[in-house]
Amino acid sequence: MKLSLSMIGQEGGDAVLIELLDRLGRHRALADDESQLLEKLVRQSQATKASVYHKWSREDDRTLLRVQHRPRGVANYAKEIGVSEYAAWMRLDRLRKKLRGEGNTGKVER
């Protein structure tokens, strides 16, 4: 099977290509074109994952504040709405600061 850059983006093709190149690289050194293909696939998959952004709504904020004291409440809610647990905790931290009046005032501390 000939590996080529035209395989990138085909449905399920990226994961298969990464797996094949990974296995091949364990048995012998990858050729230059194979290394370039692997690098391009990895960069593309990382860029795709990083571009996902969740727009927090007021309803999300209210629910997050409501579930924060339940066991695994924040983690479960984060999974439910499709964000990482870390992102949910950071949002909760910002909400708590806002409620306490510790938001960004524009002043620089020295």
Protein backbone atom coordinates (compact mmCIF):
# COMPACT_ATOMS: atom_id res chain seq x y z
CA MET A 1 0.00 0.00 0.00
CA LYS A 2 1.45 3.35 -1.03
CA LEU A 3 1.06 6.12 1.55
CA SER A 4 0.44 9.59 0.19
CA LEU A 5 -0.65 13.05 1.27
CA SER A 6 -3.89 12.60 -0.69
CA MET A 7 -5.07 10.17 2.03
CA ILE A 8 -5.24 12.99 4.58
CA GLY A 9 -8.75 14.07 5.44
CA GLN A 10 -10.52 10.96 4.22
CA GLU A 11 -13.06 9.64 6.71
CA GLY A 12 -11.18 7.55 9.29
CA GLY A 13 -8.08 7.73 7.13
CA ASP A 14 -6.06 9.99 9.40
CA ALA A 15 -6.24 7.69 12.41
CA VAL A 16 -5.45 4.64 10.29
CA LEU A 17 -2.47 6.36 8.69
CA ILE A 18 -1.09 7.50 12.04
CA GLU A 19 -1.42 3.97 13.40
CA LEU A 20 0.26 2.42 10.35
CA LEU A 21 3.13 4.88 10.39
CA ASP A 22 3.58 4.42 14.13
CA ARG A 23 3.79 0.63 13.73
CA LEU A 24 6.11 0.94 10.75
CA GLY A 25 8.38 3.32 12.68
CA ARG A 26 8.82 0.70 15.39
CA HIS A 27 10.35 -1.75 12.89
CA ARG A 28 12.49 0.55 10.75
CA ALA A 29 13.38 4.18 10.32
CA LEU A 30 10.71 6.11 8.45
CA ALA A 31 11.59 7.52 5.03
CA ASP A 32 11.53 11.29 4.65
CA ASP A 33 8.14 11.35 2.92
CA GLU A 34 6.68 9.04 5.59
CA SER A 35 8.01 11.28 8.37
CA GLN A 36 6.57 14.36 6.69
CA LEU A 37 3.21 12.64 6.32
CA LEU A 38 3.18 11.62 9.99
CA GLU A 39 4.10 15.16 11.11
CA LYS A 40 1.38 16.68 8.94
CA LEU A 41 -1.24 14.26 10.28
CA VAL A 42 -0.32 14.93 13.90
CA ARG A 43 -0.29 18.72 13.42
CA GLN A 44 -3.66 18.58 11.67
CA SER A 45 -5.27 16.45 14.39
CA GLN A 46 -3.92 18.76 17.11
CA ALA A 47 -5.16 21.86 15.30
CA THR A 48 -8.62 20.34 14.93
CA LYS A 49 -8.85 19.55 18.63
CA ALA A 50 -7.62 22.98 19.69
CA SER A 51 -10.18 24.84 17.58
CA VAL A 52 -13.18 23.49 19.48
CA TYR A 53 -14.66 26.29 21.58
CA HIS A 54 -17.66 26.21 23.88
CA LYS A 55 -19.75 29.38 24.16
CA TRP A 56 -20.88 29.48 27.81
CA SER A 57 -24.50 30.52 28.24
CA ARG A 58 -26.25 31.85 31.33
CA GLU A 59 -27.98 28.50 31.68
CA ASP A 60 -24.58 26.74 31.61
CA ASP A 61 -23.32 29.11 34.31
CA ARG A 62 -26.37 28.56 36.52
CA THR A 63 -26.14 24.79 36.17
CA LEU A 64 -22.39 24.84 36.87
CA LEU A 65 -22.94 26.84 40.06
CA ARG A 66 -25.72 24.45 41.07
CA VAL A 67 -23.73 21.22 40.57
CA GLN A 68 -20.43 22.41 42.03
CA HIS A 69 -21.01 20.84 45.47
CA ARG A 70 -22.20 17.47 44.22
CA PRO A 71 -19.69 14.62 44.08
CA ARG A 72 -18.16 14.74 40.58
CA GLY A 73 -20.82 17.29 39.68
CA VAL A 74 -18.51 19.60 37.73
CA ALA A 75 -16.83 16.68 35.94
CA ASN A 76 -20.14 15.09 34.98
CA TYR A 77 -21.60 18.38 33.77
CA ALA A 78 -18.45 19.13 31.76
CA LYS A 79 -18.73 15.78 30.02
CA GLU A 80 -22.43 16.37 29.38
CA ILE A 81 -21.86 19.67 27.56
CA GLY A 82 -18.69 18.52 25.80
CA VAL A 83 -15.94 20.52 27.50
CA SER A 84 -12.94 19.37 29.49
CA GLU A 85 -13.21 19.14 33.25
CA TYR A 86 -10.42 21.73 33.49
CA ALA A 87 -12.38 24.21 31.34
CA ALA A 88 -15.43 23.78 33.58
CA TRP A 89 -13.38 24.36 36.74
CA MET A 90 -11.80 27.50 35.21
CA ARG A 91 -15.23 28.82 34.26
CA LEU A 92 -16.48 28.10 37.79
CA ASP A 93 -13.48 29.94 39.24
CA ARG A 94 -14.27 33.01 37.10
CA LEU A 95 -17.94 32.86 38.12
CA ARG A 96 -17.03 32.67 41.81
CA LYS A 97 -14.71 35.67 41.49
CA LYS A 98 -17.39 37.61 39.66
CA LEU A 99 -19.93 36.84 42.39
CA ARG A 100 -17.45 37.99 45.07
CA GLY A 101 -16.70 41.16 43.15
CA GLU A 102 -13.11 40.20 42.42
CA GLY A 103 -13.42 40.52 38.67
CA ASN A 104 -10.90 42.27 36.43
CA THR A 105 -10.96 45.94 37.41
CA GLY A 106 -8.33 46.98 34.88
CA LYS A 107 -5.92 47.99 37.64
CA VAL A 108 -2.38 46.71 37.68
CA GLU A 109 -1.13 45.41 41.03
CA ARG A 110 2.42 46.33 42.01
